[in-house]
C-alpha cells in the first residue's frame, strides 16, 4: 500500500494554529498521528464516551426539531443538520456551541468563535 496520499498538504492555517501541524487533522501520517487517532477512539468515540455525551446530542437535536417546527418559510435542511452536528461536536470538544443556539438570537461568543474559524480557513 502506498502512503503518498496519507497526509494532508501543508497550509498556513495548520502551521500557525495547529502548532506546526501537531493536531490530528493536519499531522503527517506516522506514529504520532496513529497515537492521536487512538486517543480519539478511546476518549471521544468509545461507547462510554458516546453514552456520557448523549445529553448533548439530545439537546442539539431538540434545538433542530424546534427550528424545523417553528419554520414559516423554506429551510435548508442540509445546513440545519450541519449546524446541529457542528454544535454537538463543539459542545463535546470545547464546551460551547459554534453556531449559537439556533434560536436566531445573537450569541456573541458563538459568533466570535465562528468568525475565528472562518478566518483560519481563509488564511492562505
PDB file of N, CA and C in Angstrom:
ATOM      1  N   UNK A   1       0.835  -1.185   0.000  1.00  0.00           N
ATOM      2  CA  UNK A   1       0.000   0.000   0.000  1.00  0.00           C
ATOM      3  C   UNK A   1       0.878   1.245   0.000  1.00  0.00           C
ATOM      4  N   UNK A   2       0.539   2.182  -0.816  1.00  0.00           N
ATOM      5  CA  UNK A   2       1.317   3.414  -0.892  1.00  0.00           C
ATOM      6  C   UNK A   2       0.800   4.446   0.104  1.00  0.00           C
ATOM      7  N   UNK A   3       1.705   5.188   0.689  1.00  0.00           N
ATOM      8  CA  UNK A   3       1.339   6.210   1.670  1.00  0.00           C
ATOM      9  C   UNK A   3       1.461   7.613   1.093  1.00  0.00           C
ATOM     10  N   UNK A   4       1.566   7.710  -0.245  1.00  0.00           N
ATOM     11  CA  UNK A   4       1.736   9.013  -0.873  1.00  0.00           C
ATOM     12  C   UNK A   4       0.598   9.972  -0.568  1.00  0.00           C
ATOM     13  N   UNK A   5      -0.613   9.472  -0.402  1.00  0.00           N
ATOM     14  CA  UNK A   5      -1.772  10.331  -0.211  1.00  0.00           C
ATOM     15  C   UNK A   5      -2.291  10.285   1.228  1.00  0.00           C
ATOM     16  N   UNK A   6      -1.505   9.797   2.159  1.00  0.00           N
ATOM     17  CA  UNK A   6      -1.950   9.629   3.537  1.00  0.00           C
ATOM     18  C   UNK A   6      -1.952  10.933   4.335  1.00  0.00           C
ATOM     19  N   UNK A   7      -1.107  11.877   3.987  1.00  0.00           N
ATOM     20  CA  UNK A   7      -1.018  13.133   4.722  1.00  0.00           C
ATOM     21  C   UNK A   7      -1.691  14.252   3.956  1.00  0.00           C
ATOM     22  N   UNK A   8      -2.196  15.239   4.695  1.00  0.00           N
ATOM     23  CA  UNK A   8      -2.779  16.410   4.043  1.00  0.00           C
ATOM     24  C   UNK A   8      -1.662  17.342   3.602  1.00  0.00           C
ATOM     25  N   UNK A   9      -1.918  18.126   2.560  1.00  0.00           N
ATOM     26  CA  UNK A   9      -0.883  19.087   2.149  1.00  0.00           C
ATOM     27  C   UNK A   9      -0.748  20.190   3.200  1.00  0.00           C
ATOM     28  N   UNK A  10       0.453  20.695   3.415  1.00  0.00           N
ATOM     29  CA  UNK A  10       0.647  21.750   4.415  1.00  0.00           C
ATOM     30  C   UNK A  10      -0.033  23.049   3.985  1.00  0.00           C
ATOM     31  N   UNK A  11      -0.517  23.817   4.975  1.00  0.00           N
ATOM     32  CA  UNK A  11      -1.063  25.139   4.696  1.00  0.00           C
ATOM     33  C   UNK A  11      -0.760  26.056   5.871  1.00  0.00           C
ATOM     34  N   UNK A  12      -0.900  27.360   5.654  1.00  0.00           N
ATOM     35  CA  UNK A  12      -0.531  28.350   6.670  1.00  0.00           C
ATOM     36  C   UNK A  12      -1.376  28.205   7.930  1.00  0.00           C
ATOM     37  N   UNK A  13      -2.655  27.934   7.781  1.00  0.00           N
ATOM     38  CA  UNK A  13      -3.531  27.798   8.944  1.00  0.00           C
ATOM     39  C   UNK A  13      -3.077  26.696   9.872  1.00  0.00           C
ATOM     40  N   UNK A  14      -2.761  25.564   9.309  1.00  0.00           N
ATOM     41  CA  UNK A  14      -2.326  24.426  10.117  1.00  0.00           C
ATOM     42  C   UNK A  14      -0.980  24.698  10.765  1.00  0.00           C
ATOM     43  N   UNK A  15      -0.133  25.397  10.062  1.00  0.00           N
ATOM     44  CA  UNK A  15       1.195  25.670  10.616  1.00  0.00           C
ATOM     45  C   UNK A  15       1.114  26.574  11.843  1.00  0.00           C
ATOM     46  N   UNK A  16       0.313  27.631  11.766  1.00  0.00           N
ATOM     47  CA  UNK A  16       0.306  28.614  12.846  1.00  0.00           C
ATOM     48  C   UNK A  16      -0.718  28.319  13.936  1.00  0.00           C
ATOM     49  N   UNK A  17      -1.828  27.712  13.600  1.00  0.00           N
ATOM     50  CA  UNK A  17      -2.869  27.476  14.590  1.00  0.00           C
ATOM     51  C   UNK A  17      -2.801  26.068  15.160  1.00  0.00           C
ATOM     52  N   UNK A  18      -2.357  25.124  14.386  1.00  0.00           N
ATOM     53  CA  UNK A  18      -2.291  23.737  14.838  1.00  0.00           C
ATOM     54  C   UNK A  18      -0.886  23.373  15.321  1.00  0.00           C
ATOM     55  N   UNK A  19      -0.182  24.372  15.836  1.00  0.00           N
ATOM     56  CA  UNK A  19       1.128  24.139  16.449  1.00  0.00           C
ATOM     57  C   UNK A  19       2.078  23.393  15.518  1.00  0.00           C
ATOM     58  N   UNK A  20       2.238  23.948  14.349  1.00  0.00           N
ATOM     59  CA  UNK A  20       3.157  23.395  13.356  1.00  0.00           C
ATOM     60  C   UNK A  20       2.787  21.953  12.983  1.00  0.00           C
ATOM     61  N   UNK A  21       1.517  21.787  12.629  1.00  0.00           N
ATOM     62  CA  UNK A  21       0.995  20.500  12.139  1.00  0.00           C
ATOM     63  C   UNK A  21       1.001  19.404  13.204  1.00  0.00           C
ATOM     64  N   UNK A  22       0.735  19.735  14.456  1.00  0.00           N
ATOM     65  CA  UNK A  22       0.772  18.751  15.528  1.00  0.00           C
ATOM     66  C   UNK A  22      -0.603  18.180  15.881  1.00  0.00           C
ATOM     67  N   UNK A  23      -1.680  18.690  15.307  1.00  0.00           N
ATOM     68  CA  UNK A  23      -3.017  18.190  15.660  1.00  0.00           C
ATOM     69  C   UNK A  23      -3.388  16.999  14.787  1.00  0.00           C
ATOM     70  N   UNK A  24      -4.494  16.379  15.094  1.00  0.00           N
ATOM     71  CA  UNK A  24      -4.918  15.179  14.376  1.00  0.00           C
ATOM     72  C   UNK A  24      -5.241  15.466  12.918  1.00  0.00           C
ATOM     73  N   UNK A  25      -5.879  16.587  12.656  1.00  0.00           N
ATOM     74  CA  UNK A  25      -6.334  16.868  11.299  1.00  0.00           C
ATOM     75  C   UNK A  25      -5.188  17.125  10.327  1.00  0.00           C
ATOM     76  N   UNK A  26      -4.108  17.746  10.786  1.00  0.00           N
ATOM     77  CA  UNK A  26      -3.048  18.137   9.863  1.00  0.00           C
ATOM     78  C   UNK A  26      -1.712  17.448  10.114  1.00  0.00           C
ATOM     79  N   UNK A  27      -1.617  16.635  11.134  1.00  0.00           N
ATOM     80  CA  UNK A  27      -0.365  15.934  11.397  1.00  0.00           C
ATOM     81  C   UNK A  27      -0.066  14.978  10.249  1.00  0.00           C
ATOM     82  N   UNK A  28       1.184  14.880   9.872  1.00  0.00           N
ATOM     83  CA  UNK A  28       1.533  13.922   8.826  1.00  0.00           C
ATOM     84  C   UNK A  28       1.322  12.493   9.328  1.00  0.00           C
ATOM     85  N   UNK A  29       1.002  11.616   8.419  1.00  0.00           N
ATOM     86  CA  UNK A  29       0.789  10.223   8.785  1.00  0.00           C
ATOM     87  C   UNK A  29       2.066   9.655   9.384  1.00  0.00           C
ATOM     88  N   UNK A  30       1.916   8.964  10.495  1.00  0.00           N
ATOM     89  CA  UNK A  30       3.063   8.354  11.163  1.00  0.00           C
ATOM     90  C   UNK A  30       2.679   7.947  12.572  1.00  0.00           C
ATOM     91  N   UNK A  31       3.663   7.645  13.408  1.00  0.00           N
ATOM     92  CA  UNK A  31       3.377   7.169  14.762  1.00  0.00           C
ATOM     93  C   UNK A  31       2.579   8.178  15.597  1.00  0.00           C
ATOM     94  N   UNK A  32       2.902   9.472  15.508  1.00  0.00           N
ATOM     95  CA  UNK A  32       2.177  10.489  16.279  1.00  0.00           C
ATOM     96  C   UNK A  32       0.720  10.542  15.852  1.00  0.00           C
ATOM     97  N   UNK A  33       0.474  10.541  14.545  1.00  0.00           N
ATOM     98  CA  UNK A  33      -0.895  10.596  14.034  1.00  0.00           C
ATOM     99  C   UNK A  33      -1.682   9.368  14.486  1.00  0.00           C
ATOM    100  N   UNK A  34      -1.062   8.196  14.431  1.00  0.00           N
ATOM    101  CA  UNK A  34      -1.749   6.976  14.876  1.00  0.00           C
ATOM    102  C   UNK A  34      -2.067   7.037  16.367  1.00  0.00           C
ATOM    103  N   UNK A  35      -1.172   7.615  17.173  1.00  0.00           N
ATOM    104  CA  UNK A  35      -1.427   7.766  18.602  1.00  0.00           C
ATOM    105  C   UNK A  35      -2.588   8.729  18.851  1.00  0.00           C
ATOM    106  N   UNK A  36      -2.609   9.845  18.137  1.00  0.00           N
ATOM    107  CA  UNK A  36      -3.717  10.798  18.280  1.00  0.00           C
ATOM    108  C   UNK A  36      -5.048  10.158  17.895  1.00  0.00           C
ATOM    109  N   UNK A  37      -5.032   9.371  16.851  1.00  0.00           N
ATOM    110  CA  UNK A  37      -6.251   8.683  16.421  1.00  0.00           C
ATOM    111  C   UNK A  37      -6.717   7.691  17.487  1.00  0.00           C
ATOM    112  N   UNK A  38      -5.774   6.987  18.080  1.00  0.00           N
ATOM    113  CA  UNK A  38      -6.117   6.034  19.133  1.00  0.00           C
ATOM    114  C   UNK A  38      -6.728   6.756  20.331  1.00  0.00           C
ATOM    115  N   UNK A  39      -6.165   7.893  20.705  1.00  0.00           N
ATOM    116  CA  UNK A  39      -6.712   8.681  21.812  1.00  0.00           C
ATOM    117  C   UNK A  39      -8.139   9.114  21.500  1.00  0.00           C
ATOM    118  N   UNK A  40      -8.382   9.542  20.280  1.00  0.00           N
ATOM    119  CA  UNK A  40      -9.744   9.944  19.885  1.00  0.00           C
ATOM    120  C   UNK A  40     -10.700   8.763  19.986  1.00  0.00           C
ATOM    121  N   UNK A  41     -10.293   7.614  19.503  1.00  0.00           N
ATOM    122  CA  UNK A  41     -11.165   6.443  19.569  1.00  0.00           C
ATOM    123  C   UNK A  41     -11.473   6.054  21.007  1.00  0.00           C
ATOM    124  N   UNK A  42     -10.490   6.149  21.875  1.00  0.00           N
ATOM    125  CA  UNK A  42     -10.681   5.719  23.261  1.00  0.00           C
ATOM    126  C   UNK A  42     -11.489   6.746  24.053  1.00  0.00           C
ATOM    127  N   UNK A  43     -11.197   8.043  23.870  1.00  0.00           N
ATOM    128  CA  UNK A  43     -11.792   9.068  24.734  1.00  0.00           C
ATOM    129  C   UNK A  43     -12.951   9.830  24.104  1.00  0.00           C
ATOM    130  N   UNK A  44     -13.060   9.851  22.796  1.00  0.00           N
ATOM    131  CA  UNK A  44     -14.155  10.593  22.158  1.00  0.00           C
ATOM    132  C   UNK A  44     -15.208   9.691  21.537  1.00  0.00           C
ATOM    133  N   UNK A  45     -14.783   8.577  20.964  1.00  0.00           N
ATOM    134  CA  UNK A  45     -15.708   7.762  20.186  1.00  0.00           C
ATOM    135  C   UNK A  45     -15.978   6.385  20.777  1.00  0.00           C
ATOM    136  N   UNK A  46     -15.561   6.152  22.008  1.00  0.00           N
ATOM    137  CA  UNK A  46     -15.838   4.866  22.642  1.00  0.00           C
ATOM    138  C   UNK A  46     -17.301   4.821  23.064  1.00  0.00           C
ATOM    139  N   UNK A  47     -17.793   3.646  23.384  1.00  0.00           N
ATOM    140  CA  UNK A  47     -19.175   3.505  23.830  1.00  0.00           C
ATOM    141  C   UNK A  47     -19.456   4.317  25.076  1.00  0.00           C
ATOM    142  N   UNK A  48     -18.519   4.318  26.018  1.00  0.00           N
ATOM    143  CA  UNK A  48     -18.706   5.087  27.256  1.00  0.00           C
ATOM    144  C   UNK A  48     -18.757   6.584  26.956  1.00  0.00           C
ATOM    145  N   UNK A  49     -17.864   7.068  26.108  1.00  0.00           N
ATOM    146  CA  UNK A  49     -17.856   8.494  25.768  1.00  0.00           C
ATOM    147  C   UNK A  49     -19.155   8.886  25.070  1.00  0.00           C
ATOM    148  N   UNK A  50     -19.623   8.034  24.169  1.00  0.00           N
ATOM    149  CA  UNK A  50     -20.890   8.326  23.499  1.00  0.00           C
ATOM    150  C   UNK A  50     -22.044   8.368  24.489  1.00  0.00           C
ATOM    151  N   UNK A  51     -22.047   7.459  25.456  1.00  0.00           N
ATOM    152  CA  UNK A  51     -23.077   7.480  26.496  1.00  0.00           C
ATOM    153  C   UNK A  51     -22.965   8.732  27.366  1.00  0.00           C
ATOM    154  N   UNK A  52     -21.740   9.123  27.706  1.00  0.00           N
ATOM    155  CA  UNK A  52     -21.529  10.290  28.556  1.00  0.00           C
ATOM    156  C   UNK A  52     -22.035  11.577  27.903  1.00  0.00           C
ATOM    157  N   UNK A  53     -21.961  11.650  26.581  1.00  0.00           N
ATOM    158  CA  UNK A  53     -22.364  12.866  25.871  1.00  0.00           C
ATOM    159  C   UNK A  53     -23.712  12.736  25.171  1.00  0.00           C
ATOM    160  N   UNK A  54     -24.487  11.744  25.555  1.00  0.00           N
ATOM    161  CA  UNK A  54     -25.808  11.554  24.960  1.00  0.00           C
ATOM    162  C   UNK A  54     -26.683  12.798  25.165  1.00  0.00           C
ATOM    163  N   UNK A  55     -26.605  13.383  26.361  1.00  0.00           N
ATOM    164  CA  UNK A  55     -27.436  14.564  26.656  1.00  0.00           C
ATOM    165  C   UNK A  55     -27.136  15.718  25.703  1.00  0.00           C
ATOM    166  N   UNK A  56     -25.873  15.863  25.283  1.00  0.00           N
ATOM    167  CA  UNK A  56     -25.513  16.926  24.349  1.00  0.00           C
ATOM    168  C   UNK A  56     -26.197  16.680  23.003  1.00  0.00           C
ATOM    169  N   UNK A  57     -26.129  15.460  22.514  1.00  0.00           N
ATOM    170  CA  UNK A  57     -26.764  15.140  21.231  1.00  0.00           C
ATOM    171  C   UNK A  57     -28.275  15.335  21.313  1.00  0.00           C
ATOM    172  N   UNK A  58     -28.868  14.935  22.442  1.00  0.00           N
ATOM    173  CA  UNK A  58     -30.314  15.094  22.604  1.00  0.00           C
ATOM    174  C   UNK A  58     -30.710  16.567  22.633  1.00  0.00           C
ATOM    175  N   UNK A  59     -29.958  17.396  23.346  1.00  0.00           N
ATOM    176  CA  UNK A  59     -30.264  18.822  23.407  1.00  0.00           C
ATOM    177  C   UNK A  59     -30.130  19.484  22.043  1.00  0.00           C
ATOM    178  N   UNK A  60     -29.083  19.135  21.314  1.00  0.00           N
ATOM    179  CA  UNK A  60     -28.895  19.731  19.989  1.00  0.00           C
ATOM    180  C   UNK A  60     -29.970  19.252  19.014  1.00  0.00           C
ATOM    181  N   UNK A  61     -30.401  18.018  19.170  1.00  0.00           N
ATOM    182  CA  UNK A  61     -31.494  17.513  18.336  1.00  0.00           C
ATOM    183  C   UNK A  61     -32.794  18.249  18.659  1.00  0.00           C
ATOM    184  N   UNK A  62     -33.030  18.563  19.934  1.00  0.00           N
ATOM    185  CA  UNK A  62     -34.221  19.335  20.309  1.00  0.00           C
ATOM    186  C   UNK A  62     -34.188  20.721  19.677  1.00  0.00           C
ATOM    187  N   UNK A  63     -33.016  21.341  19.661  1.00  0.00           N
ATOM    188  CA  UNK A  63     -32.875  22.649  19.014  1.00  0.00           C
ATOM    189  C   UNK A  63     -33.210  22.538  17.537  1.00  0.00           C
ATOM    190  N   UNK A  64     -32.724  21.487  16.893  1.00  0.00           N
ATOM    191  CA  UNK A  64     -33.004  21.267  15.473  1.00  0.00           C
ATOM    192  C   UNK A  64     -34.503  21.073  15.237  1.00  0.00           C
ATOM    193  N   UNK A  65     -35.132  20.246  16.056  1.00  0.00           N
ATOM    194  CA  UNK A  65     -36.569  19.978  15.883  1.00  0.00           C
ATOM    195  C   UNK A  65     -37.374  21.251  16.114  1.00  0.00           C
ATOM    196  N   UNK A  66     -36.998  22.059  17.116  1.00  0.00           N
ATOM    197  CA  UNK A  66     -37.691  23.333  17.351  1.00  0.00           C
ATOM    198  C   UNK A  66     -37.553  24.256  16.157  1.00  0.00           C
ATOM    199  N   UNK A  67     -36.367  24.308  15.568  1.00  0.00           N
ATOM    200  CA  UNK A  67     -36.157  25.156  14.390  1.00  0.00           C
ATOM    201  C   UNK A  67     -37.019  24.677  13.228  1.00  0.00           C
ATOM    202  N   UNK A  68     -37.127  23.362  13.064  1.00  0.00           N
ATOM    203  CA  UNK A  68     -37.963  22.821  11.985  1.00  0.00           C
ATOM    204  C   UNK A  68     -39.447  23.087  12.249  1.00  0.00           C
ATOM    205  N   UNK A  69     -39.871  22.940  13.497  1.00  0.00           N
ATOM    206  CA  UNK A  69     -41.280  23.112  13.843  1.00  0.00           C
ATOM    207  C   UNK A  69     -41.718  24.570  13.758  1.00  0.00           C
ATOM    208  N   UNK A  70     -40.821  25.489  14.050  1.00  0.00           N
ATOM    209  CA  UNK A  70     -41.202  26.901  14.055  1.00  0.00           C
ATOM    210  C   UNK A  70     -40.970  27.589  12.722  1.00  0.00           C
ATOM    211  N   UNK A  71     -40.489  26.876  11.738  1.00  0.00           N
ATOM    212  CA  UNK A  71     -40.194  27.482  10.439  1.00  0.00           C
ATOM    213  C   UNK A  71     -41.478  27.869   9.718  1.00  0.00           C
ATOM    214  N   UNK A  72     -41.459  29.066   9.157  1.00  0.00           N
ATOM    215  CA  UNK A  72     -42.598  29.531   8.367  1.00  0.00           C
ATOM    216  C   UNK A  72     -42.237  29.660   6.897  1.00  0.00           C
ATOM    217  N   UNK A  73     -40.976  29.505   6.590  1.00  0.00           N
ATOM    218  CA  UNK A  73     -40.522  29.573   5.198  1.00  0.00           C
ATOM    219  C   UNK A  73     -39.707  28.321   4.888  1.00  0.00           C
ATOM    220  N   UNK A  74     -39.242  28.232   3.657  1.00  0.00           N
ATOM    221  CA  UNK A  74     -38.412  27.094   3.260  1.00  0.00           C
ATOM    222  C   UNK A  74     -37.103  27.106   4.043  1.00  0.00           C
ATOM    223  N   UNK A  75     -36.653  25.922   4.379  1.00  0.00           N
ATOM    224  CA  UNK A  75     -35.407  25.768   5.122  1.00  0.00           C
ATOM    225  C   UNK A  75     -34.419  24.948   4.318  1.00  0.00           C
ATOM    226  N   UNK A  76     -33.162  25.184   4.578  1.00  0.00           N
ATOM    227  CA  UNK A  76     -32.103  24.368   4.003  1.00  0.00           C
ATOM    228  C   UNK A  76     -31.796  23.270   5.023  1.00  0.00           C
ATOM    229  N   UNK A  77     -32.402  22.114   4.846  1.00  0.00           N
ATOM    230  CA  UNK A  77     -32.263  21.023   5.808  1.00  0.00           C
ATOM    231  C   UNK A  77     -30.807  20.593   5.965  1.00  0.00           C
ATOM    232  N   UNK A  78     -30.073  20.561   4.878  1.00  0.00           N
ATOM    233  CA  UNK A  78     -28.660  20.188   4.950  1.00  0.00           C
ATOM    234  C   UNK A  78     -27.879  21.124   5.849  1.00  0.00           C
ATOM    235  N   UNK A  79     -28.132  22.422   5.730  1.00  0.00           N
ATOM    236  CA  UNK A  79     -27.439  23.391   6.567  1.00  0.00           C
ATOM    237  C   UNK A  79     -27.844  23.233   8.030  1.00  0.00           C
ATOM    238  N   UNK A  80     -29.133  23.009   8.286  1.00  0.00           N
ATOM    239  CA  UNK A  80     -29.587  22.823   9.665  1.00  0.00           C
ATOM    240  C   UNK A  80     -28.963  21.573  10.292  1.00  0.00           C
ATOM    241  N   UNK A  81     -28.860  20.496   9.530  1.00  0.00           N
ATOM    242  CA  UNK A  81     -28.224  19.285  10.040  1.00  0.00           C
ATOM    243  C   UNK A  81     -26.737  19.522  10.306  1.00  0.00           C
ATOM    244  N   UNK A  82     -26.105  20.274   9.417  1.00  0.00           N
ATOM    245  CA  UNK A  82     -24.688  20.611   9.602  1.00  0.00           C
ATOM    246  C   UNK A  82     -24.499  21.425  10.883  1.00  0.00           C
ATOM    247  N   UNK A  83     -25.344  22.424  11.106  1.00  0.00           N
ATOM    248  CA  UNK A  83     -25.260  23.243  12.315  1.00  0.00           C
ATOM    249  C   UNK A  83     -25.469  22.383  13.557  1.00  0.00           C
ATOM    250  N   UNK A  84     -26.434  21.476  13.498  1.00  0.00           N
ATOM    251  CA  UNK A  84     -26.703  20.576  14.624  1.00  0.00           C
ATOM    252  C   UNK A  84     -25.471  19.723  14.937  1.00  0.00           C
ATOM    253  N   UNK A  85     -24.865  19.141  13.924  1.00  0.00           N
ATOM    254  CA  UNK A  85     -23.682  18.295  14.125  1.00  0.00           C
ATOM    255  C   UNK A  85     -22.491  19.085  14.641  1.00  0.00           C
ATOM    256  N   UNK A  86     -22.233  20.252  14.051  1.00  0.00           N
ATOM    257  CA  UNK A  86     -21.085  21.058  14.473  1.00  0.00           C
ATOM    258  C   UNK A  86     -21.273  21.545  15.904  1.00  0.00           C
ATOM    259  N   UNK A  87     -22.502  21.956  16.255  1.00  0.00           N
ATOM    260  CA  UNK A  87     -22.746  22.400  17.625  1.00  0.00           C
ATOM    261  C   UNK A  87     -22.577  21.252  18.619  1.00  0.00           C
ATOM    262  N   UNK A  88     -23.038  20.073  18.270  1.00  0.00           N
ATOM    263  CA  UNK A  88     -22.871  18.921  19.167  1.00  0.00           C
ATOM    264  C   UNK A  88     -21.385  18.605  19.349  1.00  0.00           C
ATOM    265  N   UNK A  89     -20.631  18.582  18.260  1.00  0.00           N
ATOM    266  CA  UNK A  89     -19.190  18.335  18.365  1.00  0.00           C
ATOM    267  C   UNK A  89     -18.484  19.441  19.133  1.00  0.00           C
ATOM    268  N   UNK A  90     -18.876  20.684  18.876  1.00  0.00           N
ATOM    269  CA  UNK A  90     -18.271  21.811  19.586  1.00  0.00           C
ATOM    270  C   UNK A  90     -18.510  21.737  21.077  1.00  0.00           C
ATOM    271  N   UNK A  91     -19.718  21.355  21.458  1.00  0.00           N
ATOM    272  CA  UNK A  91     -20.023  21.240  22.886  1.00  0.00           C
ATOM    273  C   UNK A  91     -19.242  20.105  23.531  1.00  0.00           C
ATOM    274  N   UNK A  92     -19.076  19.004  22.821  1.00  0.00           N
ATOM    275  CA  UNK A  92     -18.328  17.873  23.378  1.00  0.00           C
ATOM    276  C   UNK A  92     -16.841  18.208  23.470  1.00  0.00           C
ATOM    277  N   UNK A  93     -16.291  18.800  22.436  1.00  0.00           N
ATOM    278  CA  UNK A  93     -14.851  19.029  22.384  1.00  0.00           C
ATOM    279  C   UNK A  93     -14.407  20.299  23.101  1.00  0.00           C
ATOM    280  N   UNK A  94     -15.235  21.366  23.040  1.00  0.00           N
ATOM    281  CA  UNK A  94     -14.794  22.651  23.584  1.00  0.00           C
ATOM    282  C   UNK A  94     -15.739  23.235  24.621  1.00  0.00           C
ATOM    283  N   UNK A  95     -16.889  22.605  24.805  1.00  0.00           N
ATOM    284  CA  UNK A  95     -17.818  23.081  25.816  1.00  0.00           C
ATOM    285  C   UNK A  95     -18.704  24.231  25.384  1.00  0.00           C
ATOM    286  N   UNK A  96     -18.743  24.551  24.086  1.00  0.00           N
ATOM    287  CA  UNK A  96     -19.608  25.626  23.618  1.00  0.00           C
ATOM    288  C   UNK A  96     -20.071  25.380  22.198  1.00  0.00           C
ATOM    289  N   UNK A  97     -21.201  26.004  21.865  1.00  0.00           N
ATOM    290  CA  UNK A  97     -21.724  25.903  20.506  1.00  0.00           C
ATOM    291  C   UNK A  97     -20.881  26.759  19.569  1.00  0.00           C
ATOM    292  N   UNK A  98     -20.813  26.331  18.333  1.00  0.00           N
ATOM    293  CA  UNK A  98     -20.073  27.076  17.327  1.00  0.00           C
ATOM    294  C   UNK A  98     -20.997  28.059  16.622  1.00  0.00           C
ATOM    295  N   UNK A  99     -22.244  27.667  16.379  1.00  0.00           N
ATOM    296  CA  UNK A  99     -23.173  28.480  15.610  1.00  0.00           C
ATOM    297  C   UNK A  99     -24.316  29.037  16.447  1.00  0.00           C
ATOM    298  N   UNK A 100     -24.143  29.189  17.742  1.00  0.00           N
ATOM    299  CA  UNK A 100     -25.212  29.720  18.581  1.00  0.00           C
ATOM    300  C   UNK A 100     -26.211  28.638  18.927  1.00  0.00           C
ATOM    301  N   UNK A 101     -27.332  29.056  19.518  1.00  0.00           N
ATOM    302  CA  UNK A 101     -28.299  28.071  19.988  1.00  0.00           C
ATOM    303  C   UNK A 101     -29.371  27.749  18.964  1.00  0.00           C
ATOM    304  N   UNK A 102     -29.314  28.357  17.800  1.00  0.00           N
ATOM    305  CA  UNK A 102     -30.283  28.054  16.759  1.00  0.00           C
ATOM    306  C   UNK A 102     -31.579  28.814  16.882  1.00  0.00           C
ATOM    307  N   UNK A 103     -31.700  29.684  17.896  1.00  0.00           N
ATOM    308  CA  UNK A 103     -32.951  30.408  18.106  1.00  0.00           C
ATOM    309  C   UNK A 103     -33.052  31.635  17.223  1.00  0.00           C
ATOM    310  N   UNK A 104     -31.985  31.979  16.558  1.00  0.00           N
ATOM    311  CA  UNK A 104     -31.991  33.182  15.743  1.00  0.00           C
ATOM    312  C   UNK A 104     -31.473  34.382  16.516  1.00  0.00           C
ATOM    313  N   UNK A 105     -31.393  34.270  17.828  1.00  0.00           N
ATOM    314  CA  UNK A 105     -30.849  35.342  18.645  1.00  0.00           C
ATOM    315  C   UNK A 105     -29.337  35.366  18.545  1.00  0.00           C
ATOM    316  N   UNK A 106     -28.764  36.495  18.824  1.00  0.00           N
ATOM    317  CA  UNK A 106     -27.314  36.629  18.723  1.00  0.00           C
ATOM    318  C   UNK A 106     -26.639  35.976  19.925  1.00  0.00           C
ATOM    319  N   UNK A 107     -25.581  35.261  19.671  1.00  0.00           N
ATOM    320  CA  UNK A 107     -24.744  34.676  20.715  1.00  0.00           C
ATOM    321  C   UNK A 107     -23.330  35.179  20.446  1.00  0.00           C
ATOM    322  N   UNK A 108     -22.898  36.224  21.145  1.00  0.00           N
ATOM    323  CA  UNK A 108     -21.615  36.850  20.821  1.00  0.00           C
ATOM    324  C   UNK A 108     -20.430  35.886  20.860  1.00  0.00           C
ATOM    325  N   UNK A 109     -20.394  34.973  21.841  1.00  0.00           N
ATOM    326  CA  UNK A 109     -19.274  34.027  21.918  1.00  0.00           C
ATOM    327  C   UNK A 109     -19.267  33.097  20.713  1.00  0.00           C
ATOM    328  N   UNK A 110     -20.438  32.582  20.348  1.00  0.00           N
ATOM    329  CA  UNK A 110     -20.506  31.680  19.201  1.00  0.00           C
ATOM    330  C   UNK A 110     -20.154  32.416  17.918  1.00  0.00           C
ATOM    331  N   UNK A 111     -20.627  33.660  17.782  1.00  0.00           N
ATOM    332  CA  UNK A 111     -20.315  34.442  16.586  1.00  0.00           C
ATOM    333  C   UNK A 111     -18.818  34.732  16.492  1.00  0.00           C
ATOM    334  N   UNK A 112     -18.192  35.044  17.632  1.00  0.00           N
ATOM    335  CA  UNK A 112     -16.761  35.308  17.633  1.00  0.00           C
ATOM    336  C   UNK A 112     -15.983  34.046  17.272  1.00  0.00           C
ATOM    337  N   UNK A 113     -16.370  32.913  17.854  1.00  0.00           N
ATOM    338  CA  UNK A 113     -15.682  31.660  17.556  1.00  0.00           C
ATOM    339  C   UNK A 113     -15.840  31.300  16.079  1.00  0.00           C
ATOM    340  N   UNK A 114     -17.061  31.454  15.565  1.00  0.00           N
ATOM    341  CA  UNK A 114     -17.309  31.137  14.156  1.00  0.00           C
ATOM    342  C   UNK A 114     -16.447  32.018  13.253  1.00  0.00           C
ATOM    343  N   UNK A 115     -16.343  33.313  13.559  1.00  0.00           N
ATOM    344  CA  UNK A 115     -15.531  34.198  12.724  1.00  0.00           C
ATOM    345  C   UNK A 115     -14.053  33.821  12.791  1.00  0.00           C
ATOM    346  N   UNK A 116     -13.588  33.360  13.962  1.00  0.00           N
ATOM    347  CA  UNK A 116     -12.195  32.921  14.065  1.00  0.00           C
ATOM    348  C   UNK A 116     -11.962  31.683  13.203  1.00  0.00           C
ATOM    349  N   UNK A 117     -12.923  30.733  13.205  1.00  0.00           N
ATOM    350  CA  UNK A 117     -12.774  29.528  12.389  1.00  0.00           C
ATOM    351  C   UNK A 117     -12.770  29.888  10.909  1.00  0.00           C
ATOM    352  N   UNK A 118     -13.684  30.771  10.503  1.00  0.00           N
ATOM    353  CA  UNK A 118     -13.730  31.190   9.093  1.00  0.00           C
ATOM    354  C   UNK A 118     -12.447  31.884   8.702  1.00  0.00           C
ATOM    355  N   UNK A 119     -11.918  32.744   9.582  1.00  0.00           N
ATOM    356  CA  UNK A 119     -10.656  33.429   9.298  1.00  0.00           C
ATOM    357  C   UNK A 119      -9.515  32.429   9.170  1.00  0.00           C
ATOM    358  N   UNK A 120      -9.497  31.424  10.044  1.00  0.00           N
ATOM    359  CA  UNK A 120      -8.466  30.399   9.979  1.00  0.00           C
ATOM    360  C   UNK A 120      -8.520  29.645   8.654  1.00  0.00           C
ATOM    361  N   UNK A 121      -9.715  29.332   8.199  1.00  0.00           N
ATOM    362  CA  UNK A 121      -9.866  28.591   6.945  1.00  0.00           C
ATOM    363  C   UNK A 121      -9.378  29.431   5.768  1.00  0.00           C
ATOM    364  N   UNK A 122      -9.555  30.750   5.845  1.00  0.00           N
ATOM    365  CA  UNK A 122      -9.224  31.634   4.730  1.00  0.00           C
ATOM    366  C   UNK A 122      -7.852  32.269   4.853  1.00  0.00           C
ATOM    367  N   UNK A 123      -6.955  31.723   5.680  1.00  0.00           N
ATOM    368  CA  UNK A 123      -5.632  32.328   5.870  1.00  0.00           C
ATOM    369  C   UNK A 123      -4.822  32.317   4.586  1.00  0.00           C
ATOM    370  N   UNK A 124      -4.862  31.240   3.858  1.00  0.00           N
ATOM    371  CA  UNK A 124      -3.997  31.142   2.679  1.00  0.00           C
ATOM    372  C   UNK A 124      -4.479  31.992   1.558  1.00  0.00           C
TER     373      UNK A 124
END
